[in-house]
Amino acid sequence: MKNTLFLVLFSIYLSACSSSVNEDVVPFQEQVNDTFDTDVYIPHLQDYSITSAIIETGPFGKHKDLIIEYSKQLGNKKDEEYIEKYEENMGSEVLYGIYGGEPLVFKLTFNDGKQSSSPSNTKMINDTEVEYHKIENKNVLFVIFNLDSGTYSGEFRLTEISEERAYEIVEQIIRVAK
């Protein structure tokens, strides 16, 4: 009887532990890693919902982009017909979503090649050079940085997120993905 009770309690404990771990992993993580043949870090943030994750292939199929949009609220998911038309028109593959989350807070892109932006400012974050450009009249912050696995870029809407929080997310990506 004691062994049975122990096994039941242990099973409950294990299932609770595994569900808390899974909350930190996005549902399409394995598909992304397989597509890019590397571990791509995708932030799971408590204060923002992922509303879409889409893979777009560049001209001649040379490079791929993973584009993830984060919003304050998840919203309703678009129907399958909408998603199929989107994939067909955009030449893309929708991995997750598309949810009508509002307002859009930021867009994160991962590219499997090395990239650079037009001349901009740079700052070092965790020994990684981050190029950034702030467009004051549009309240947008663009960032781009290269890691061994590829290039991350972000477009942060500073009306919805502070510049400090944007750089915290960049720092988190660099710390975990490096």
N, C-alpha and C. Protein backbone atom coordinates (compact mmCIF):
# COMPACT_ATOMS: atom_id res chain seq x y z
N MET A 1 0.82 -1.19 0.00
CA MET A 1 0.00 0.00 0.00
C MET A 1 0.87 1.26 0.00
N LYS A 2 1.90 1.27 0.85
CA LYS A 2 2.79 2.43 0.89
C LYS A 2 3.51 2.61 -0.44
N ASN A 3 3.92 1.50 -1.06
CA ASN A 3 4.60 1.59 -2.36
C ASN A 3 3.66 2.15 -3.42
N THR A 4 2.41 1.74 -3.39
CA THR A 4 1.44 2.22 -4.37
C THR A 4 1.22 3.72 -4.18
N LEU A 5 1.05 4.13 -2.94
CA LEU A 5 0.85 5.55 -2.66
C LEU A 5 2.08 6.36 -3.09
N PHE A 6 3.26 5.82 -2.81
CA PHE A 6 4.49 6.49 -3.22
C PHE A 6 4.54 6.64 -4.74
N LEU A 7 4.22 5.58 -5.48
CA LEU A 7 4.25 5.62 -6.94
C LEU A 7 3.24 6.62 -7.50
N VAL A 8 2.06 6.69 -6.90
CA VAL A 8 1.05 7.64 -7.36
C VAL A 8 1.53 9.07 -7.12
N LEU A 9 2.03 9.34 -5.92
CA LEU A 9 2.53 10.68 -5.62
C LEU A 9 3.73 11.04 -6.49
N PHE A 10 4.61 10.08 -6.70
CA PHE A 10 5.78 10.33 -7.55
C PHE A 10 5.36 10.63 -8.99
N SER A 11 4.36 9.91 -9.50
CA SER A 11 3.85 10.15 -10.86
C SER A 11 3.25 11.54 -10.98
N ILE A 12 2.50 11.95 -9.96
CA ILE A 12 1.92 13.30 -9.97
C ILE A 12 3.03 14.34 -9.95
N TYR A 13 4.04 14.11 -9.15
CA TYR A 13 5.17 15.04 -9.08
C TYR A 13 5.87 15.14 -10.44
N LEU A 14 6.12 14.00 -11.07
CA LEU A 14 6.80 14.02 -12.37
C LEU A 14 5.97 14.73 -13.43
N SER A 15 4.67 14.50 -13.44
CA SER A 15 3.84 15.17 -14.44
C SER A 15 3.79 16.68 -14.18
N ALA A 16 3.80 17.07 -12.93
CA ALA A 16 3.82 18.51 -12.61
C ALA A 16 5.13 19.12 -13.05
N CYS A 17 6.24 18.43 -12.83
CA CYS A 17 7.54 18.94 -13.24
C CYS A 17 7.63 19.04 -14.75
N SER A 18 7.16 18.03 -15.45
CA SER A 18 7.28 18.06 -16.91
C SER A 18 6.40 19.14 -17.51
N SER A 19 5.23 19.40 -16.92
CA SER A 19 4.39 20.45 -17.49
C SER A 19 5.00 21.83 -17.25
N SER A 20 5.69 22.03 -16.14
CA SER A 20 6.30 23.33 -15.91
C SER A 20 7.48 23.54 -16.84
N VAL A 21 8.20 22.48 -17.17
CA VAL A 21 9.29 22.59 -18.12
C VAL A 21 8.74 22.90 -19.50
N ASN A 22 7.66 22.23 -19.89
CA ASN A 22 7.10 22.43 -21.22
C ASN A 22 6.56 23.84 -21.43
N GLU A 23 6.20 24.54 -20.37
CA GLU A 23 5.72 25.91 -20.50
C GLU A 23 6.80 26.83 -21.05
N ASP A 24 8.06 26.47 -20.87
CA ASP A 24 9.15 27.30 -21.33
C ASP A 24 9.59 26.96 -22.75
N VAL A 25 8.97 25.94 -23.35
CA VAL A 25 9.32 25.53 -24.70
C VAL A 25 8.14 25.84 -25.60
N VAL A 26 8.42 26.51 -26.71
CA VAL A 26 7.34 26.83 -27.63
C VAL A 26 6.93 25.57 -28.39
N PRO A 27 5.66 25.46 -28.76
CA PRO A 27 5.15 24.22 -29.34
C PRO A 27 5.76 23.84 -30.69
N PHE A 28 6.39 24.76 -31.37
CA PHE A 28 6.96 24.48 -32.69
C PHE A 28 8.48 24.43 -32.67
N GLN A 29 9.08 24.38 -31.46
CA GLN A 29 10.54 24.43 -31.31
C GLN A 29 11.25 23.32 -32.08
N GLU A 30 10.79 22.09 -31.96
CA GLU A 30 11.45 20.97 -32.61
C GLU A 30 11.43 21.12 -34.14
N GLN A 31 10.30 21.57 -34.67
CA GLN A 31 10.18 21.78 -36.11
C GLN A 31 11.15 22.86 -36.59
N VAL A 32 11.31 23.92 -35.81
CA VAL A 32 12.26 24.99 -36.16
C VAL A 32 13.69 24.45 -36.16
N ASN A 33 14.06 23.74 -35.11
CA ASN A 33 15.41 23.19 -35.02
C ASN A 33 15.70 22.24 -36.18
N ASP A 34 14.72 21.42 -36.56
CA ASP A 34 14.89 20.51 -37.69
C ASP A 34 15.04 21.28 -39.00
N THR A 35 14.24 22.32 -39.18
CA THR A 35 14.28 23.11 -40.42
C THR A 35 15.62 23.79 -40.60
N PHE A 36 16.16 24.35 -39.52
CA PHE A 36 17.41 25.11 -39.60
C PHE A 36 18.63 24.25 -39.27
N ASP A 37 18.42 23.02 -38.87
CA ASP A 37 19.50 22.09 -38.53
C ASP A 37 20.44 22.67 -37.47
N THR A 38 19.84 23.40 -36.52
CA THR A 38 20.58 23.96 -35.39
C THR A 38 19.58 24.27 -34.29
N ASP A 39 20.08 24.53 -33.10
CA ASP A 39 19.21 24.94 -32.01
C ASP A 39 18.95 26.43 -32.13
N VAL A 40 17.71 26.78 -32.39
CA VAL A 40 17.30 28.18 -32.50
C VAL A 40 16.62 28.54 -31.19
N TYR A 41 17.09 29.59 -30.55
CA TYR A 41 16.46 30.00 -29.30
C TYR A 41 15.26 30.90 -29.61
N ILE A 42 14.11 30.49 -29.10
CA ILE A 42 12.88 31.25 -29.25
C ILE A 42 12.41 31.63 -27.86
N PRO A 43 12.46 32.91 -27.52
CA PRO A 43 12.06 33.31 -26.17
C PRO A 43 10.58 33.00 -25.89
N HIS A 44 10.35 32.41 -24.75
CA HIS A 44 9.00 32.22 -24.22
C HIS A 44 8.86 33.24 -23.11
N LEU A 45 8.04 34.25 -23.35
CA LEU A 45 7.94 35.38 -22.42
C LEU A 45 6.58 35.39 -21.75
N GLN A 46 6.57 35.53 -20.44
CA GLN A 46 5.31 35.52 -19.68
C GLN A 46 4.42 36.71 -20.03
N ASP A 47 5.02 37.86 -20.35
CA ASP A 47 4.23 39.07 -20.56
C ASP A 47 3.78 39.28 -22.01
N TYR A 48 4.23 38.43 -22.94
CA TYR A 48 3.84 38.56 -24.34
C TYR A 48 3.52 37.20 -24.93
N SER A 49 2.50 37.16 -25.78
CA SER A 49 2.09 35.92 -26.44
C SER A 49 2.65 35.86 -27.85
N ILE A 50 3.06 34.66 -28.26
CA ILE A 50 3.45 34.47 -29.64
C ILE A 50 2.16 34.33 -30.45
N THR A 51 1.99 35.21 -31.44
CA THR A 51 0.77 35.18 -32.24
C THR A 51 0.98 34.52 -33.60
N SER A 52 2.24 34.40 -34.03
CA SER A 52 2.52 33.67 -35.26
C SER A 52 3.99 33.31 -35.32
N ALA A 53 4.24 32.20 -36.00
CA ALA A 53 5.60 31.77 -36.31
C ALA A 53 5.57 31.25 -37.74
N ILE A 54 6.33 31.89 -38.60
CA ILE A 54 6.26 31.61 -40.02
C ILE A 54 7.67 31.45 -40.58
N ILE A 55 7.85 30.48 -41.46
CA ILE A 55 9.14 30.31 -42.14
C ILE A 55 8.97 30.79 -43.57
N GLU A 56 9.84 31.71 -43.96
CA GLU A 56 9.89 32.20 -45.33
C GLU A 56 11.23 31.83 -45.93
N THR A 57 11.21 31.40 -47.17
CA THR A 57 12.43 31.02 -47.86
C THR A 57 12.81 32.13 -48.83
N GLY A 58 14.09 32.52 -48.78
CA GLY A 58 14.58 33.61 -49.63
C GLY A 58 14.66 33.22 -51.09
N PRO A 59 15.04 34.17 -51.93
CA PRO A 59 15.16 33.90 -53.36
C PRO A 59 16.11 32.72 -53.60
N PHE A 60 15.76 31.89 -54.51
CA PHE A 60 16.55 30.73 -54.91
C PHE A 60 16.70 29.71 -53.78
N GLY A 61 15.91 29.84 -52.72
CA GLY A 61 15.93 28.88 -51.62
C GLY A 61 17.21 28.88 -50.83
N LYS A 62 18.00 29.95 -50.95
CA LYS A 62 19.32 29.97 -50.31
C LYS A 62 19.23 30.07 -48.79
N HIS A 63 18.47 31.03 -48.29
CA HIS A 63 18.36 31.21 -46.84
C HIS A 63 16.90 31.21 -46.43
N LYS A 64 16.69 30.88 -45.18
CA LYS A 64 15.34 30.87 -44.62
C LYS A 64 15.27 31.84 -43.46
N ASP A 65 14.08 32.41 -43.29
CA ASP A 65 13.80 33.28 -42.15
C ASP A 65 12.70 32.66 -41.32
N LEU A 66 12.89 32.67 -40.02
CA LEU A 66 11.82 32.35 -39.07
C LEU A 66 11.36 33.69 -38.54
N ILE A 67 10.09 34.00 -38.72
CA ILE A 67 9.54 35.28 -38.27
C ILE A 67 8.51 34.99 -37.19
N ILE A 68 8.74 35.54 -36.00
CA ILE A 68 7.85 35.33 -34.87
C ILE A 68 7.32 36.68 -34.42
N GLU A 69 6.01 36.75 -34.26
CA GLU A 69 5.40 37.99 -33.78
C GLU A 69 4.89 37.78 -32.36
N TYR A 70 5.12 38.79 -31.52
CA TYR A 70 4.70 38.78 -30.13
C TYR A 70 3.71 39.93 -29.91
N SER A 71 2.63 39.64 -29.21
CA SER A 71 1.62 40.65 -28.90
C SER A 71 1.28 40.60 -27.42
N LYS A 72 0.56 41.61 -26.96
CA LYS A 72 0.15 41.63 -25.55
C LYS A 72 -0.95 40.61 -25.28
N GLN A 73 -1.81 40.36 -26.27
CA GLN A 73 -2.89 39.38 -26.11
C GLN A 73 -2.88 38.44 -27.30
N LEU A 74 -3.31 37.21 -27.08
CA LEU A 74 -3.27 36.20 -28.12
C LEU A 74 -4.32 36.43 -29.20
N GLY A 75 -5.54 36.76 -28.86
CA GLY A 75 -6.57 36.97 -29.87
C GLY A 75 -7.08 35.66 -30.45
N ASN A 76 -7.95 35.76 -31.44
CA ASN A 76 -8.55 34.58 -32.08
C ASN A 76 -7.66 34.09 -33.21
N LYS A 77 -7.62 32.77 -33.37
CA LYS A 77 -6.83 32.17 -34.44
C LYS A 77 -7.57 32.30 -35.76
N LYS A 78 -6.83 32.64 -36.81
CA LYS A 78 -7.40 32.71 -38.15
C LYS A 78 -7.79 31.30 -38.59
N ASP A 79 -8.79 31.19 -39.46
CA ASP A 79 -9.24 29.87 -39.90
C ASP A 79 -8.25 29.26 -40.89
N GLU A 80 -8.40 27.96 -41.14
CA GLU A 80 -7.48 27.22 -42.00
C GLU A 80 -7.43 27.79 -43.41
N GLU A 81 -8.56 28.24 -43.93
CA GLU A 81 -8.60 28.81 -45.28
C GLU A 81 -7.72 30.05 -45.36
N TYR A 82 -7.79 30.91 -44.35
CA TYR A 82 -6.96 32.12 -44.30
C TYR A 82 -5.48 31.73 -44.29
N ILE A 83 -5.14 30.75 -43.45
CA ILE A 83 -3.74 30.33 -43.31
C ILE A 83 -3.23 29.72 -44.61
N GLU A 84 -4.04 28.89 -45.27
CA GLU A 84 -3.63 28.30 -46.54
C GLU A 84 -3.39 29.37 -47.60
N LYS A 85 -4.27 30.35 -47.68
CA LYS A 85 -4.10 31.45 -48.65
C LYS A 85 -2.85 32.27 -48.32
N TYR A 86 -2.63 32.50 -47.03
CA TYR A 86 -1.44 33.24 -46.61
C TYR A 86 -0.18 32.50 -47.06
N GLU A 87 -0.12 31.20 -46.78
CA GLU A 87 1.05 30.40 -47.16
C GLU A 87 1.26 30.44 -48.67
N GLU A 88 0.19 30.30 -49.42
CA GLU A 88 0.28 30.29 -50.88
C GLU A 88 0.73 31.64 -51.42
N ASN A 89 0.13 32.71 -50.93
CA ASN A 89 0.46 34.05 -51.42
C ASN A 89 1.85 34.51 -51.00
N MET A 90 2.27 34.12 -49.82
CA MET A 90 3.55 34.59 -49.29
C MET A 90 4.70 33.60 -49.55
N GLY A 91 4.40 32.42 -50.07
CA GLY A 91 5.44 31.42 -50.27
C GLY A 91 6.08 31.03 -48.96
N SER A 92 5.25 30.81 -47.96
CA SER A 92 5.77 30.56 -46.61
C SER A 92 5.08 29.34 -45.99
N GLU A 93 5.57 28.99 -44.82
CA GLU A 93 4.99 27.89 -44.05
C GLU A 93 4.66 28.42 -42.65
N VAL A 94 3.39 28.35 -42.30
CA VAL A 94 2.95 28.79 -40.98
C VAL A 94 3.15 27.63 -40.01
N LEU A 95 4.00 27.86 -39.01
CA LEU A 95 4.27 26.84 -38.00
C LEU A 95 3.32 26.96 -36.81
N TYR A 96 2.90 28.19 -36.55
CA TYR A 96 2.08 28.46 -35.37
C TYR A 96 1.23 29.69 -35.64
N GLY A 97 -0.02 29.62 -35.22
CA GLY A 97 -0.92 30.76 -35.39
C GLY A 97 -1.62 30.63 -36.73
N ILE A 98 -2.03 31.61 -37.23
CA ILE A 98 -1.88 33.05 -37.05
C ILE A 98 -3.02 33.53 -36.15
N TYR A 99 -2.65 34.16 -35.03
CA TYR A 99 -3.63 34.72 -34.12
C TYR A 99 -3.72 36.22 -34.35
N GLY A 100 -4.89 36.76 -34.10
CA GLY A 100 -5.11 38.18 -34.28
C GLY A 100 -4.77 38.99 -33.05
N GLY A 101 -3.64 38.74 -32.45
CA GLY A 101 -3.24 39.42 -31.22
C GLY A 101 -3.00 40.90 -31.40
N GLU A 102 -3.44 41.65 -30.45
CA GLU A 102 -3.26 43.10 -30.48
C GLU A 102 -2.78 43.57 -29.12
N PRO A 103 -2.05 44.59 -29.05
CA PRO A 103 -1.29 45.18 -30.14
C PRO A 103 0.01 44.41 -30.36
N LEU A 104 0.51 44.46 -31.59
CA LEU A 104 1.80 43.86 -31.90
C LEU A 104 2.87 44.61 -31.10
N VAL A 105 3.68 43.86 -30.36
CA VAL A 105 4.72 44.47 -29.53
C VAL A 105 6.07 44.42 -30.23
N PHE A 106 6.43 43.23 -30.73
CA PHE A 106 7.67 43.14 -31.48
C PHE A 106 7.67 41.93 -32.38
N LYS A 107 8.57 42.01 -33.36
CA LYS A 107 8.77 40.93 -34.32
C LYS A 107 10.21 40.49 -34.20
N LEU A 108 10.41 39.19 -34.09
CA LEU A 108 11.75 38.62 -33.98
C LEU A 108 11.97 37.74 -35.20
N THR A 109 13.14 37.89 -35.83
CA THR A 109 13.46 37.10 -37.02
C THR A 109 14.78 36.38 -36.79
N PHE A 110 14.81 35.11 -37.18
CA PHE A 110 16.05 34.34 -37.18
C PHE A 110 16.33 33.95 -38.62
N ASN A 111 17.57 34.18 -39.06
CA ASN A 111 18.00 33.83 -40.41
C ASN A 111 19.19 32.90 -40.29
N ASP A 112 19.23 31.88 -41.15
CA ASP A 112 20.30 30.89 -41.04
C ASP A 112 21.62 31.32 -41.69
N GLY A 113 21.73 32.58 -42.08
CA GLY A 113 22.98 33.10 -42.62
C GLY A 113 23.49 34.25 -41.77
N LYS A 114 24.57 34.84 -42.17
CA LYS A 114 25.12 36.03 -41.49
C LYS A 114 24.63 37.26 -42.22
N GLN A 115 24.21 38.27 -41.48
CA GLN A 115 23.68 39.48 -42.08
C GLN A 115 24.21 40.70 -41.36
N SER A 116 24.03 41.81 -42.02
CA SER A 116 24.39 43.10 -41.44
C SER A 116 23.33 44.09 -41.86
N SER A 117 23.13 45.11 -41.06
CA SER A 117 22.16 46.14 -41.41
C SER A 117 22.90 47.31 -42.06
N SER A 118 22.12 48.29 -42.49
CA SER A 118 22.74 49.51 -43.01
C SER A 118 23.45 50.21 -41.85
N PRO A 119 24.33 51.15 -42.15
CA PRO A 119 25.10 51.79 -41.07
C PRO A 119 24.21 52.23 -39.90
N SER A 120 24.61 51.83 -38.73
CA SER A 120 23.84 52.15 -37.54
C SER A 120 24.77 52.20 -36.34
N ASN A 121 24.18 52.34 -35.18
CA ASN A 121 24.94 52.35 -33.94
C ASN A 121 25.19 50.91 -33.50
N THR A 122 26.21 50.74 -32.67
CA THR A 122 26.48 49.41 -32.13
C THR A 122 26.69 49.50 -30.63
N LYS A 123 26.38 48.41 -29.96
CA LYS A 123 26.68 48.27 -28.54
C LYS A 123 27.02 46.82 -28.29
N MET A 124 27.83 46.59 -27.27
CA MET A 124 28.21 45.24 -26.91
C MET A 124 27.28 44.73 -25.81
N ILE A 125 26.72 43.55 -26.03
CA ILE A 125 25.88 42.88 -25.04
C ILE A 125 26.41 41.46 -24.91
N ASN A 126 26.90 41.10 -23.74
CA ASN A 126 27.48 39.77 -23.50
C ASN A 126 28.51 39.41 -24.57
N ASP A 127 29.43 40.31 -24.83
CA ASP A 127 30.51 40.11 -25.81
C ASP A 127 30.01 39.90 -27.24
N THR A 128 28.81 40.36 -27.54
CA THR A 128 28.25 40.26 -28.89
C THR A 128 27.93 41.66 -29.37
N GLU A 129 28.38 41.96 -30.58
CA GLU A 129 28.09 43.27 -31.16
C GLU A 129 26.64 43.29 -31.66
N VAL A 130 25.88 44.23 -31.15
CA VAL A 130 24.49 44.40 -31.53
C VAL A 130 24.37 45.73 -32.27
N GLU A 131 23.94 45.65 -33.53
CA GLU A 131 23.68 46.87 -34.30
C GLU A 131 22.25 47.29 -33.99
N TYR A 132 22.06 48.59 -33.84
CA TYR A 132 20.70 49.06 -33.55
C TYR A 132 20.45 50.40 -34.23
N HIS A 133 19.20 50.63 -34.49
CA HIS A 133 18.77 51.88 -35.11
C HIS A 133 17.40 52.22 -34.56
N LYS A 134 17.28 53.42 -34.02
CA LYS A 134 16.03 53.86 -33.44
C LYS A 134 15.43 54.94 -34.35
N ILE A 135 14.18 54.72 -34.74
CA ILE A 135 13.47 55.71 -35.54
C ILE A 135 12.52 56.43 -34.61
N GLU A 136 12.93 57.63 -34.23
CA GLU A 136 12.20 58.40 -33.22
C GLU A 136 10.76 58.70 -33.62
N ASN A 137 10.55 59.18 -34.85
CA ASN A 137 9.20 59.61 -35.23
C ASN A 137 8.23 58.45 -35.41
N LYS A 138 8.74 57.21 -35.49
CA LYS A 138 7.87 56.04 -35.59
C LYS A 138 7.91 55.20 -34.32
N ASN A 139 8.71 55.60 -33.36
CA ASN A 139 8.85 54.87 -32.09
C ASN A 139 9.17 53.39 -32.31
N VAL A 140 10.18 53.14 -33.14
CA VAL A 140 10.58 51.77 -33.45
C VAL A 140 12.07 51.63 -33.20
N LEU A 141 12.45 50.49 -32.61
CA LEU A 141 13.85 50.15 -32.40
C LEU A 141 14.15 48.88 -33.20
N PHE A 142 15.14 48.97 -34.09
CA PHE A 142 15.59 47.81 -34.85
C PHE A 142 16.91 47.34 -34.27
N VAL A 143 17.07 46.04 -34.11
CA VAL A 143 18.34 45.47 -33.66
C VAL A 143 18.68 44.29 -34.55
N ILE A 144 19.98 44.02 -34.68
CA ILE A 144 20.43 42.85 -35.43
C ILE A 144 21.76 42.41 -34.83
N PHE A 145 21.93 41.08 -34.69
CA PHE A 145 23.19 40.56 -34.18
C PHE A 145 23.40 39.15 -34.70
N ASN A 146 24.66 38.81 -34.92
CA ASN A 146 25.04 37.51 -35.45
C ASN A 146 25.57 36.62 -34.33
N LEU A 147 25.10 35.39 -34.34
CA LEU A 147 25.62 34.35 -33.45
C LEU A 147 26.10 33.19 -34.32
N ASP A 148 26.73 32.20 -33.74
CA ASP A 148 27.21 31.07 -34.52
C ASP A 148 26.09 30.37 -35.28
N SER A 149 24.91 30.30 -34.68
CA SER A 149 23.79 29.58 -35.29
C SER A 149 23.13 30.36 -36.42
N GLY A 150 23.29 31.68 -36.45
CA GLY A 150 22.66 32.51 -37.47
C GLY A 150 22.48 33.93 -36.97
N THR A 151 21.60 34.66 -37.63
CA THR A 151 21.37 36.06 -37.32
C THR A 151 20.00 36.26 -36.72
N TYR A 152 19.96 37.01 -35.62
CA TYR A 152 18.70 37.42 -35.01
C TYR A 152 18.50 38.90 -35.29
N SER A 153 17.27 39.27 -35.61
CA SER A 153 16.94 40.68 -35.71
C SER A 153 15.60 40.91 -35.04
N GLY A 154 15.41 42.11 -34.57
CA GLY A 154 14.17 42.43 -33.88
C GLY A 154 13.67 43.81 -34.27
N GLU A 155 12.37 43.94 -34.29
CA GLU A 155 11.71 45.22 -34.54
C GLU A 155 10.75 45.44 -33.38
N PHE A 156 11.11 46.37 -32.51
CA PHE A 156 10.36 46.61 -31.28
C PHE A 156 9.55 47.91 -31.41
N ARG A 157 8.28 47.84 -31.12
CA ARG A 157 7.42 49.03 -31.14
C ARG A 157 7.48 49.69 -29.78
N LEU A 158 8.17 50.79 -29.70
CA LEU A 158 8.42 51.44 -28.41
C LEU A 158 7.19 52.11 -27.81
N THR A 159 6.08 52.09 -28.51
CA THR A 159 4.81 52.53 -27.91
C THR A 159 4.22 51.42 -27.05
N GLU A 160 4.70 50.18 -27.26
CA GLU A 160 4.16 49.02 -26.56
C GLU A 160 5.16 48.36 -25.61
N ILE A 161 6.42 48.66 -25.77
CA ILE A 161 7.48 48.04 -24.97
C ILE A 161 8.55 49.09 -24.74
N SER A 162 9.15 49.08 -23.57
CA SER A 162 10.20 50.06 -23.31
C SER A 162 11.49 49.63 -24.00
N GLU A 163 12.33 50.60 -24.28
CA GLU A 163 13.62 50.30 -24.89
C GLU A 163 14.45 49.41 -23.96
N GLU A 164 14.35 49.67 -22.66
CA GLU A 164 15.06 48.85 -21.68
C GLU A 164 14.61 47.39 -21.75
N ARG A 165 13.31 47.16 -21.83
CA ARG A 165 12.78 45.78 -21.92
C ARG A 165 13.20 45.13 -23.23
N ALA A 166 13.23 45.90 -24.31
CA ALA A 166 13.67 45.36 -25.60
C ALA A 166 15.11 44.84 -25.50
N TYR A 167 15.98 45.62 -24.87
CA TYR A 167 17.37 45.19 -24.72
C TYR A 167 17.50 44.02 -23.74
N GLU A 168 16.60 43.92 -22.77
CA GLU A 168 16.59 42.75 -21.88
C GLU A 168 16.29 41.48 -22.68
N ILE A 169 15.36 41.57 -23.63
CA ILE A 169 15.03 40.41 -24.47
C ILE A 169 16.22 40.06 -25.36
N VAL A 170 16.87 41.06 -25.94
CA VAL A 170 18.07 40.83 -26.75
C VAL A 170 19.14 40.15 -25.91
N GLU A 171 19.35 40.65 -24.71
CA GLU A 171 20.36 40.06 -23.81
C GLU A 171 20.02 38.62 -23.48
N GLN A 172 18.75 38.33 -23.26
CA GLN A 172 18.30 36.96 -22.96
C GLN A 172 18.59 36.03 -24.15
N ILE A 173 18.30 36.50 -25.35
CA ILE A 173 18.56 35.67 -26.55
C ILE A 173 20.04 35.38 -26.66
N ILE A 174 20.87 36.41 -26.52
CA ILE A 174 22.31 36.21 -26.64
C ILE A 174 22.83 35.27 -25.56
N ARG A 175 22.39 35.47 -24.33
CA ARG A 175 22.85 34.64 -23.21
C ARG A 175 22.51 33.17 -23.42
N VAL A 176 21.30 32.90 -23.87
CA VAL A 176 20.85 31.50 -24.00
C VAL A 176 21.32 30.89 -25.32
N ALA A 177 21.31 31.65 -26.41
CA ALA A 177 21.61 31.09 -27.73
C ALA A 177 23.10 30.99 -28.04
N LYS A 178 23.91 31.70 -27.28
CA LYS A 178 25.34 31.76 -27.57
C LYS A 178 26.04 30.45 -27.33
